[in-house]
Amino acid sequence: MAKTKKNVRAKAKSVVGAAKQKAQDMKAKLREDRLLHKTLTPKKTTTKKEKSEAKHKKLLKRFAEARKKRKEEHKNREKTKVVGDLKPLRDALPSLQDIYKLVKTKQKDVSEGAALTEPEVRLSANEKIRKKRTEMVNTVKSFEKLIKDKNFKKNPREVIAAHVRNKYQAMEEDDYE
């Protein structure tokens, strides 16, 4: 019985060895095929100049396509006709005279404001730091006041909405003045 076990073990070892050898041969053959394939197909080398020319041509092609598309859209717009009455739309838009007056008044306000303000004095680095620090302290104090406020604790959204509303009203009043 011992002899048969030895024979089985020996046969198993030889079969495993043969399988390993076959696997190695297959890998080697695949490697050779890959190498052979690489050597048979010539490698295409492109220079930097050729690559940049190709990119340039591609970009020009995209520009031409975009231009063509714009022309087609323009033609389509010309074909479509406006249907309906445009009078309500014209009435809703402000007249050119009103826009012109508005622009003129804003330009006057800006020029008057520029004349009234004094030229800015350049601050030194320490003064800038001091100014930023005082601004920061003021904002922290205002937030602390806000957090301690009873109305804010009860309904914070309402307080914030009222604050934003008041801020916009003040900005609008400044614009009209």
N, C-alpha and C. Protein backbone atom coordinates (compact mmCIF):
# COMPACT_ATOMS: atom_id res chain seq x y z
N MET A 1 0.80 -1.17 0.00
CA MET A 1 0.00 0.00 0.00
C MET A 1 0.85 1.25 0.00
N ALA A 2 1.94 1.19 0.66
CA ALA A 2 2.84 2.33 0.73
C ALA A 2 3.39 2.65 -0.65
N LYS A 3 3.62 1.60 -1.42
CA LYS A 3 4.17 1.81 -2.74
C LYS A 3 3.16 2.52 -3.64
N THR A 4 1.90 2.19 -3.52
CA THR A 4 0.90 2.85 -4.36
C THR A 4 0.75 4.32 -3.98
N LYS A 5 0.87 4.66 -2.69
CA LYS A 5 0.79 6.05 -2.27
C LYS A 5 1.95 6.84 -2.86
N LYS A 6 3.12 6.23 -2.87
CA LYS A 6 4.28 6.91 -3.43
C LYS A 6 4.08 7.14 -4.92
N ASN A 7 3.54 6.14 -5.60
CA ASN A 7 3.30 6.28 -7.03
C ASN A 7 2.29 7.40 -7.32
N VAL A 8 1.25 7.48 -6.51
CA VAL A 8 0.23 8.52 -6.70
C VAL A 8 0.85 9.90 -6.48
N ARG A 9 1.66 9.99 -5.42
CA ARG A 9 2.31 11.27 -5.13
C ARG A 9 3.25 11.67 -6.25
N ALA A 10 3.97 10.73 -6.74
CA ALA A 10 4.92 11.00 -7.81
C ALA A 10 4.19 11.43 -9.08
N LYS A 11 3.11 10.74 -9.38
CA LYS A 11 2.33 11.10 -10.57
C LYS A 11 1.74 12.51 -10.41
N ALA A 12 1.23 12.80 -9.22
CA ALA A 12 0.64 14.12 -8.97
C ALA A 12 1.70 15.21 -9.14
N LYS A 13 2.90 14.97 -8.62
CA LYS A 13 3.99 15.95 -8.76
C LYS A 13 4.34 16.15 -10.21
N SER A 14 4.39 15.09 -10.96
CA SER A 14 4.76 15.22 -12.37
C SER A 14 3.68 15.96 -13.15
N VAL A 15 2.40 15.70 -12.80
CA VAL A 15 1.30 16.38 -13.49
C VAL A 15 1.33 17.88 -13.17
N VAL A 16 1.55 18.20 -11.91
CA VAL A 16 1.62 19.61 -11.50
C VAL A 16 2.79 20.29 -12.18
N GLY A 17 3.92 19.61 -12.23
CA GLY A 17 5.10 20.17 -12.90
C GLY A 17 4.83 20.41 -14.37
N ALA A 18 4.15 19.46 -15.02
CA ALA A 18 3.83 19.60 -16.44
C ALA A 18 2.88 20.78 -16.65
N ALA A 19 1.91 20.94 -15.76
CA ALA A 19 0.94 22.05 -15.88
C ALA A 19 1.66 23.39 -15.72
N LYS A 20 2.59 23.45 -14.75
CA LYS A 20 3.37 24.68 -14.56
C LYS A 20 4.18 25.00 -15.80
N GLN A 21 4.79 24.00 -16.36
CA GLN A 21 5.61 24.18 -17.56
C GLN A 21 4.77 24.67 -18.72
N LYS A 22 3.56 24.11 -18.87
CA LYS A 22 2.67 24.54 -19.95
C LYS A 22 2.28 26.00 -19.77
N ALA A 23 1.97 26.37 -18.51
CA ALA A 23 1.58 27.76 -18.22
C ALA A 23 2.73 28.71 -18.56
N GLN A 24 3.94 28.34 -18.20
CA GLN A 24 5.10 29.19 -18.51
C GLN A 24 5.30 29.30 -20.01
N ASP A 25 5.13 28.18 -20.71
CA ASP A 25 5.28 28.21 -22.16
C ASP A 25 4.23 29.13 -22.81
N MET A 26 2.99 29.06 -22.31
CA MET A 26 1.93 29.90 -22.85
C MET A 26 2.23 31.38 -22.62
N LYS A 27 2.71 31.70 -21.41
CA LYS A 27 3.05 33.09 -21.10
C LYS A 27 4.18 33.58 -22.01
N ALA A 28 5.16 32.73 -22.21
CA ALA A 28 6.28 33.10 -23.07
C ALA A 28 5.81 33.32 -24.50
N LYS A 29 4.90 32.45 -24.96
CA LYS A 29 4.39 32.59 -26.32
C LYS A 29 3.59 33.89 -26.48
N LEU A 30 2.76 34.19 -25.48
CA LEU A 30 2.01 35.44 -25.51
C LEU A 30 2.94 36.65 -25.53
N ARG A 31 3.99 36.58 -24.71
CA ARG A 31 4.96 37.67 -24.67
C ARG A 31 5.61 37.85 -26.04
N GLU A 32 5.95 36.75 -26.66
CA GLU A 32 6.58 36.80 -27.98
C GLU A 32 5.61 37.38 -29.01
N ASP A 33 4.33 36.96 -28.91
CA ASP A 33 3.33 37.48 -29.84
C ASP A 33 3.20 39.00 -29.70
N ARG A 34 3.20 39.43 -28.46
CA ARG A 34 3.08 40.88 -28.24
C ARG A 34 4.30 41.61 -28.79
N LEU A 35 5.45 41.08 -28.54
CA LEU A 35 6.67 41.70 -29.04
C LEU A 35 6.69 41.68 -30.56
N LEU A 36 6.28 40.56 -31.13
CA LEU A 36 6.26 40.42 -32.58
C LEU A 36 5.28 41.42 -33.17
N HIS A 37 4.14 41.56 -32.53
CA HIS A 37 3.13 42.50 -33.02
C HIS A 37 3.68 43.92 -32.99
N LYS A 38 4.39 44.24 -31.93
CA LYS A 38 4.94 45.59 -31.81
C LYS A 38 5.99 45.85 -32.87
N THR A 39 6.78 44.86 -33.15
CA THR A 39 7.85 45.09 -34.12
C THR A 39 7.32 45.13 -35.54
N LEU A 40 6.22 44.41 -35.84
CA LEU A 40 5.71 44.39 -37.19
C LEU A 40 5.03 45.70 -37.56
N THR A 41 4.30 46.30 -36.60
CA THR A 41 3.61 47.55 -36.92
C THR A 41 4.57 48.71 -36.66
N PRO A 42 4.84 49.50 -37.68
CA PRO A 42 5.77 50.61 -37.46
C PRO A 42 5.15 51.66 -36.55
N LYS A 43 5.92 52.16 -35.64
CA LYS A 43 5.45 53.15 -34.70
C LYS A 43 5.42 54.51 -35.38
N LYS A 44 4.28 55.17 -35.29
CA LYS A 44 4.13 56.47 -35.94
C LYS A 44 4.63 57.54 -34.97
N THR A 45 5.64 58.26 -35.36
CA THR A 45 6.16 59.33 -34.51
C THR A 45 5.72 60.66 -35.07
N THR A 46 5.20 61.50 -34.20
CA THR A 46 4.80 62.83 -34.61
C THR A 46 5.62 63.85 -33.84
N THR A 47 6.04 64.86 -34.54
CA THR A 47 6.85 65.89 -33.91
C THR A 47 5.93 66.89 -33.21
N LYS A 48 6.54 67.73 -32.42
CA LYS A 48 5.79 68.74 -31.69
C LYS A 48 5.11 69.70 -32.67
N LYS A 49 5.83 70.02 -33.74
CA LYS A 49 5.29 70.93 -34.75
C LYS A 49 4.05 70.33 -35.42
N GLU A 50 4.12 69.04 -35.75
CA GLU A 50 2.98 68.38 -36.38
C GLU A 50 1.77 68.35 -35.44
N LYS A 51 2.05 68.09 -34.15
CA LYS A 51 0.95 68.07 -33.18
C LYS A 51 0.29 69.43 -33.08
N SER A 52 1.09 70.49 -33.02
CA SER A 52 0.52 71.83 -32.90
C SER A 52 -0.26 72.20 -34.16
N GLU A 53 0.22 71.78 -35.33
CA GLU A 53 -0.51 72.03 -36.58
C GLU A 53 -1.85 71.31 -36.58
N ALA A 54 -1.85 70.08 -36.07
CA ALA A 54 -3.09 69.30 -36.01
C ALA A 54 -4.10 69.98 -35.07
N LYS A 55 -3.60 70.46 -33.92
CA LYS A 55 -4.48 71.15 -32.98
C LYS A 55 -5.05 72.41 -33.62
N HIS A 56 -4.20 73.13 -34.34
CA HIS A 56 -4.62 74.37 -34.99
C HIS A 56 -5.71 74.09 -36.03
N LYS A 57 -5.51 73.05 -36.83
CA LYS A 57 -6.51 72.69 -37.84
C LYS A 57 -7.83 72.30 -37.18
N LYS A 58 -7.74 71.56 -36.07
CA LYS A 58 -8.94 71.14 -35.36
C LYS A 58 -9.69 72.36 -34.81
N LEU A 59 -8.95 73.32 -34.29
CA LEU A 59 -9.56 74.54 -33.75
C LEU A 59 -10.23 75.35 -34.86
N LEU A 60 -9.54 75.47 -36.00
CA LEU A 60 -10.13 76.20 -37.12
C LEU A 60 -11.41 75.52 -37.61
N LYS A 61 -11.39 74.20 -37.59
CA LYS A 61 -12.57 73.44 -38.01
C LYS A 61 -13.74 73.72 -37.07
N ARG A 62 -13.46 73.76 -35.75
CA ARG A 62 -14.51 74.05 -34.78
C ARG A 62 -15.06 75.45 -34.98
N PHE A 63 -14.18 76.42 -35.26
CA PHE A 63 -14.63 77.78 -35.51
C PHE A 63 -15.54 77.84 -36.74
N ALA A 64 -15.14 77.14 -37.78
CA ALA A 64 -15.93 77.14 -39.01
C ALA A 64 -17.31 76.52 -38.75
N GLU A 65 -17.35 75.44 -37.98
CA GLU A 65 -18.62 74.80 -37.66
C GLU A 65 -19.50 75.73 -36.84
N ALA A 66 -18.91 76.43 -35.88
CA ALA A 66 -19.68 77.36 -35.05
C ALA A 66 -20.22 78.50 -35.90
N ARG A 67 -19.40 79.02 -36.82
CA ARG A 67 -19.83 80.10 -37.70
C ARG A 67 -21.00 79.64 -38.57
N LYS A 68 -20.87 78.41 -39.09
CA LYS A 68 -21.92 77.85 -39.94
C LYS A 68 -23.22 77.70 -39.14
N LYS A 69 -23.10 77.24 -37.91
CA LYS A 69 -24.27 77.05 -37.07
C LYS A 69 -24.95 78.39 -36.78
N ARG A 70 -24.14 79.44 -36.50
CA ARG A 70 -24.69 80.77 -36.26
C ARG A 70 -25.45 81.29 -37.47
N LYS A 71 -24.89 81.07 -38.67
CA LYS A 71 -25.55 81.52 -39.89
C LYS A 71 -26.89 80.82 -40.07
N GLU A 72 -26.91 79.51 -39.78
CA GLU A 72 -28.16 78.75 -39.90
C GLU A 72 -29.20 79.27 -38.92
N GLU A 73 -28.78 79.56 -37.68
CA GLU A 73 -29.71 80.09 -36.69
C GLU A 73 -30.24 81.44 -37.14
N HIS A 74 -29.37 82.27 -37.72
CA HIS A 74 -29.78 83.59 -38.19
C HIS A 74 -30.82 83.46 -39.30
N LYS A 75 -30.58 82.51 -40.22
CA LYS A 75 -31.54 82.27 -41.30
C LYS A 75 -32.88 81.82 -40.73
N ASN A 76 -32.83 80.94 -39.74
CA ASN A 76 -34.06 80.45 -39.12
C ASN A 76 -34.80 81.59 -38.43
N ARG A 77 -34.07 82.50 -37.80
CA ARG A 77 -34.70 83.64 -37.15
C ARG A 77 -35.39 84.53 -38.18
N GLU A 78 -34.74 84.70 -39.33
CA GLU A 78 -35.33 85.54 -40.37
C GLU A 78 -36.63 84.91 -40.89
N LYS A 79 -36.65 83.58 -40.93
CA LYS A 79 -37.84 82.89 -41.44
C LYS A 79 -39.01 83.01 -40.48
N THR A 80 -38.74 82.99 -39.17
CA THR A 80 -39.83 83.04 -38.21
C THR A 80 -40.39 84.45 -38.15
N LYS A 81 -41.70 84.52 -38.10
CA LYS A 81 -42.37 85.82 -38.05
C LYS A 81 -42.96 86.01 -36.67
N VAL A 82 -42.99 87.28 -36.24
CA VAL A 82 -43.56 87.59 -34.95
C VAL A 82 -45.08 87.60 -35.09
N VAL A 83 -45.71 86.85 -34.22
CA VAL A 83 -47.15 86.73 -34.27
C VAL A 83 -47.72 87.46 -33.06
N GLY A 84 -48.72 88.27 -33.28
CA GLY A 84 -49.37 88.94 -32.17
C GLY A 84 -49.06 90.42 -32.15
N ASP A 85 -49.62 91.08 -31.15
CA ASP A 85 -49.49 92.52 -31.01
C ASP A 85 -48.32 92.83 -30.08
N LEU A 86 -47.43 93.71 -30.52
CA LEU A 86 -46.26 94.07 -29.71
C LEU A 86 -46.50 95.33 -28.90
N LYS A 87 -47.66 95.92 -28.97
CA LYS A 87 -47.94 97.16 -28.27
C LYS A 87 -47.81 96.99 -26.74
N PRO A 88 -48.34 95.92 -26.12
CA PRO A 88 -48.16 95.78 -24.67
C PRO A 88 -46.68 95.68 -24.28
N LEU A 89 -45.90 95.02 -25.10
CA LEU A 89 -44.47 94.90 -24.83
C LEU A 89 -43.81 96.26 -24.92
N ARG A 90 -44.16 97.04 -25.94
CA ARG A 90 -43.57 98.36 -26.12
C ARG A 90 -43.98 99.27 -24.96
N ASP A 91 -45.22 99.16 -24.51
CA ASP A 91 -45.67 99.98 -23.39
C ASP A 91 -44.96 99.60 -22.09
N ALA A 92 -44.64 98.33 -21.94
CA ALA A 92 -43.99 97.87 -20.71
C ALA A 92 -42.55 98.36 -20.62
N LEU A 93 -41.89 98.51 -21.75
CA LEU A 93 -40.50 98.96 -21.76
C LEU A 93 -40.42 100.47 -21.55
N PRO A 94 -39.40 100.93 -20.83
CA PRO A 94 -39.27 102.38 -20.66
C PRO A 94 -38.81 103.03 -21.97
N SER A 95 -39.17 104.28 -22.14
CA SER A 95 -38.78 104.97 -23.36
C SER A 95 -37.30 105.33 -23.29
N LEU A 96 -36.72 105.60 -24.44
CA LEU A 96 -35.31 105.97 -24.49
C LEU A 96 -35.06 107.29 -23.76
N GLN A 97 -36.03 108.18 -23.82
CA GLN A 97 -35.89 109.49 -23.15
C GLN A 97 -35.74 109.28 -21.64
N ASP A 98 -36.56 108.39 -21.06
CA ASP A 98 -36.47 108.13 -19.62
C ASP A 98 -35.12 107.53 -19.24
N ILE A 99 -34.65 106.60 -20.05
CA ILE A 99 -33.35 105.97 -19.79
C ILE A 99 -32.24 107.01 -19.86
N TYR A 100 -32.31 107.88 -20.86
CA TYR A 100 -31.29 108.92 -21.04
C TYR A 100 -31.26 109.85 -19.83
N LYS A 101 -32.45 110.26 -19.33
CA LYS A 101 -32.52 111.13 -18.17
C LYS A 101 -31.95 110.44 -16.93
N LEU A 102 -32.28 109.17 -16.77
CA LEU A 102 -31.81 108.41 -15.62
C LEU A 102 -30.29 108.32 -15.62
N VAL A 103 -29.71 108.05 -16.77
CA VAL A 103 -28.25 107.94 -16.88
C VAL A 103 -27.60 109.29 -16.57
N LYS A 104 -28.16 110.36 -17.09
CA LYS A 104 -27.61 111.70 -16.86
C LYS A 104 -27.64 112.05 -15.38
N THR A 105 -28.76 111.77 -14.69
CA THR A 105 -28.85 112.10 -13.26
C THR A 105 -27.86 111.29 -12.45
N LYS A 106 -27.67 110.02 -12.80
CA LYS A 106 -26.70 109.20 -12.07
C LYS A 106 -25.29 109.71 -12.28
N GLN A 107 -24.97 110.15 -13.51
CA GLN A 107 -23.64 110.68 -13.77
C GLN A 107 -23.41 111.96 -12.97
N LYS A 108 -24.44 112.82 -12.85
CA LYS A 108 -24.31 114.04 -12.05
C LYS A 108 -24.06 113.70 -10.60
N ASP A 109 -24.83 112.71 -10.08
CA ASP A 109 -24.67 112.32 -8.68
C ASP A 109 -23.26 111.82 -8.42
N VAL A 110 -22.74 111.03 -9.33
CA VAL A 110 -21.39 110.48 -9.16
C VAL A 110 -20.36 111.60 -9.20
N SER A 111 -20.51 112.54 -10.13
CA SER A 111 -19.53 113.62 -10.23
C SER A 111 -19.61 114.54 -9.02
N GLU A 112 -20.83 114.83 -8.50
CA GLU A 112 -20.97 115.64 -7.31
C GLU A 112 -20.38 114.94 -6.10
N GLY A 113 -20.63 113.65 -5.99
CA GLY A 113 -20.09 112.87 -4.87
C GLY A 113 -18.58 112.84 -4.90
N ALA A 114 -18.02 112.75 -6.10
CA ALA A 114 -16.57 112.71 -6.22
C ALA A 114 -15.97 114.06 -5.85
N ALA A 115 -16.68 115.15 -6.16
CA ALA A 115 -16.18 116.48 -5.84
C ALA A 115 -16.26 116.74 -4.34
N LEU A 116 -17.29 116.21 -3.68
CA LEU A 116 -17.46 116.46 -2.25
C LEU A 116 -16.51 115.65 -1.40
N THR A 117 -16.17 114.46 -1.80
CA THR A 117 -15.30 113.61 -0.99
C THR A 117 -13.87 114.10 -1.05
N GLU A 118 -13.20 113.93 0.05
CA GLU A 118 -11.80 114.34 0.12
C GLU A 118 -10.94 113.22 -0.49
N PRO A 119 -9.78 113.58 -1.01
CA PRO A 119 -8.92 112.52 -1.54
C PRO A 119 -8.48 111.59 -0.41
N GLU A 120 -8.41 110.29 -0.73
CA GLU A 120 -8.06 109.31 0.28
C GLU A 120 -6.62 109.44 0.72
N VAL A 121 -6.40 109.30 2.01
CA VAL A 121 -5.06 109.36 2.56
C VAL A 121 -4.58 107.92 2.68
N ARG A 122 -3.38 107.70 2.23
CA ARG A 122 -2.83 106.35 2.32
C ARG A 122 -2.47 106.03 3.77
N LEU A 123 -2.94 104.85 4.20
CA LEU A 123 -2.69 104.43 5.57
C LEU A 123 -1.43 103.57 5.63
N SER A 124 -0.75 103.65 6.75
CA SER A 124 0.42 102.80 6.93
C SER A 124 -0.07 101.39 7.27
N ALA A 125 0.85 100.47 7.30
CA ALA A 125 0.49 99.06 7.56
C ALA A 125 -0.13 98.92 8.95
N ASN A 126 0.47 99.58 9.95
CA ASN A 126 -0.06 99.48 11.32
C ASN A 126 -1.45 100.08 11.41
N GLU A 127 -1.67 101.19 10.72
CA GLU A 127 -2.99 101.82 10.75
C GLU A 127 -4.03 100.93 10.09
N LYS A 128 -3.65 100.27 8.99
CA LYS A 128 -4.56 99.34 8.32
C LYS A 128 -4.94 98.20 9.26
N ILE A 129 -3.94 97.66 9.94
CA ILE A 129 -4.19 96.55 10.87
C ILE A 129 -5.11 97.01 11.99
N ARG A 130 -4.85 98.19 12.53
CA ARG A 130 -5.65 98.74 13.61
C ARG A 130 -7.10 98.94 13.14
N LYS A 131 -7.26 99.45 11.92
CA LYS A 131 -8.59 99.69 11.37
C LYS A 131 -9.35 98.37 11.19
N LYS A 132 -8.66 97.35 10.64
CA LYS A 132 -9.29 96.04 10.47
C LYS A 132 -9.69 95.44 11.81
N ARG A 133 -8.82 95.62 12.80
CA ARG A 133 -9.09 95.06 14.12
C ARG A 133 -10.33 95.72 14.73
N THR A 134 -10.44 97.05 14.62
CA THR A 134 -11.62 97.73 15.19
C THR A 134 -12.88 97.32 14.45
N GLU A 135 -12.80 97.14 13.12
CA GLU A 135 -13.97 96.68 12.36
C GLU A 135 -14.40 95.29 12.82
N MET A 136 -13.41 94.43 13.03
CA MET A 136 -13.70 93.07 13.48
C MET A 136 -14.36 93.08 14.85
N VAL A 137 -13.83 93.91 15.77
CA VAL A 137 -14.40 94.00 17.12
C VAL A 137 -15.83 94.51 17.04
N ASN A 138 -16.08 95.49 16.18
CA ASN A 138 -17.44 96.02 16.04
C ASN A 138 -18.40 94.96 15.52
N THR A 139 -17.97 94.17 14.54
CA THR A 139 -18.87 93.12 14.02
C THR A 139 -19.14 92.06 15.08
N VAL A 140 -18.12 91.70 15.86
CA VAL A 140 -18.32 90.71 16.92
C VAL A 140 -19.30 91.24 17.95
N LYS A 141 -19.15 92.52 18.32
CA LYS A 141 -20.08 93.11 19.30
C LYS A 141 -21.51 93.11 18.77
N SER A 142 -21.67 93.44 17.49
CA SER A 142 -23.02 93.46 16.92
C SER A 142 -23.63 92.06 16.90
N PHE A 143 -22.80 91.03 16.61
CA PHE A 143 -23.31 89.66 16.63
C PHE A 143 -23.68 89.25 18.05
N GLU A 144 -22.88 89.66 19.04
CA GLU A 144 -23.20 89.34 20.43
C GLU A 144 -24.52 89.97 20.85
N LYS A 145 -24.74 91.23 20.43
CA LYS A 145 -26.01 91.89 20.72
C LYS A 145 -27.16 91.12 20.08
N LEU A 146 -26.96 90.71 18.84
CA LEU A 146 -28.00 89.99 18.12
C LEU A 146 -28.34 88.68 18.81
N ILE A 147 -27.32 87.96 19.26
CA ILE A 147 -27.57 86.67 19.92
C ILE A 147 -28.30 86.85 21.24
N LYS A 148 -28.02 87.95 21.96
CA LYS A 148 -28.67 88.20 23.25
C LYS A 148 -30.09 88.76 23.08
N ASP A 149 -30.44 89.23 21.88
CA ASP A 149 -31.74 89.84 21.63
C ASP A 149 -32.86 88.81 21.82
N LYS A 150 -33.90 89.21 22.58
CA LYS A 150 -35.02 88.29 22.87
C LYS A 150 -35.83 87.98 21.62
N ASN A 151 -36.06 89.00 20.78
CA ASN A 151 -36.83 88.78 19.54
C ASN A 151 -36.12 87.80 18.62
N PHE A 152 -34.80 87.88 18.57
CA PHE A 152 -34.03 86.97 17.71
C PHE A 152 -34.13 85.55 18.22
N LYS A 153 -34.12 85.39 19.54
CA LYS A 153 -34.23 84.04 20.11
C LYS A 153 -35.60 83.43 19.82
N LYS A 154 -36.64 84.29 19.81
CA LYS A 154 -37.99 83.78 19.57
C LYS A 154 -38.20 83.40 18.11
N ASN A 155 -37.84 84.32 17.19
CA ASN A 155 -38.08 84.07 15.77
C ASN A 155 -36.94 84.70 14.95
N PRO A 156 -35.85 83.96 14.76
CA PRO A 156 -34.68 84.54 14.07
C PRO A 156 -34.95 84.88 12.60
N ARG A 157 -35.76 84.09 11.92
CA ARG A 157 -36.03 84.35 10.50
C ARG A 157 -36.74 85.69 10.31
N GLU A 158 -37.69 85.97 11.19
CA GLU A 158 -38.43 87.22 11.07
C GLU A 158 -37.52 88.43 11.31
N VAL A 159 -36.63 88.32 12.27
CA VAL A 159 -35.70 89.42 12.58
C VAL A 159 -34.76 89.65 11.40
N ILE A 160 -34.26 88.58 10.83
CA ILE A 160 -33.35 88.72 9.69
C ILE A 160 -34.07 89.30 8.49
N ALA A 161 -35.31 88.85 8.24
CA ALA A 161 -36.08 89.37 7.12
C ALA A 161 -36.34 90.87 7.31
N ALA A 162 -36.67 91.28 8.53
CA ALA A 162 -36.92 92.70 8.79
C ALA A 162 -35.64 93.51 8.57
N HIS A 163 -34.53 92.95 9.00
CA HIS A 163 -33.24 93.64 8.83
C HIS A 163 -32.92 93.83 7.34
N VAL A 164 -33.12 92.78 6.55
CA VAL A 164 -32.84 92.86 5.12
C VAL A 164 -33.78 93.86 4.46
N ARG A 165 -35.06 93.83 4.83
CA ARG A 165 -36.03 94.77 4.29
C ARG A 165 -35.63 96.21 4.57
N ASN A 166 -35.25 96.47 5.82
CA ASN A 166 -34.84 97.83 6.20
C ASN A 166 -33.59 98.26 5.45
N LYS A 167 -32.66 97.33 5.28
CA LYS A 167 -31.41 97.64 4.58
C LYS A 167 -31.70 98.04 3.13
N TYR A 168 -32.58 97.27 2.45
CA TYR A 168 -32.91 97.58 1.06
C TYR A 168 -33.65 98.91 0.95
N GLN A 169 -34.53 99.20 1.90
CA GLN A 169 -35.23 100.48 1.88
C GLN A 169 -34.25 101.63 2.03
N ALA A 170 -33.29 101.47 2.92
CA ALA A 170 -32.28 102.52 3.11
C ALA A 170 -31.45 102.70 1.84
N MET A 171 -31.13 101.59 1.18
CA MET A 171 -30.34 101.68 -0.06
C MET A 171 -31.15 102.38 -1.15
N GLU A 172 -32.43 102.08 -1.25
CA GLU A 172 -33.28 102.71 -2.26
C GLU A 172 -33.43 104.20 -1.99
N GLU A 173 -33.58 104.57 -0.71
CA GLU A 173 -33.68 105.98 -0.38
C GLU A 173 -32.39 106.72 -0.74
N ASP A 174 -31.25 106.08 -0.52
CA ASP A 174 -29.97 106.69 -0.90
C ASP A 174 -29.88 106.86 -2.40
N ASP A 175 -30.41 105.93 -3.15
CA ASP A 175 -30.37 106.02 -4.62
C ASP A 175 -31.23 107.15 -5.13
N TYR A 176 -32.39 107.38 -4.50
CA TYR A 176 -33.30 108.43 -4.97
C TYR A 176 -32.82 109.82 -4.58
N GLU A 177 -32.07 109.93 -3.52
CA GLU A 177 -31.61 111.25 -3.06
C GLU A 177 -30.49 111.79 -3.90
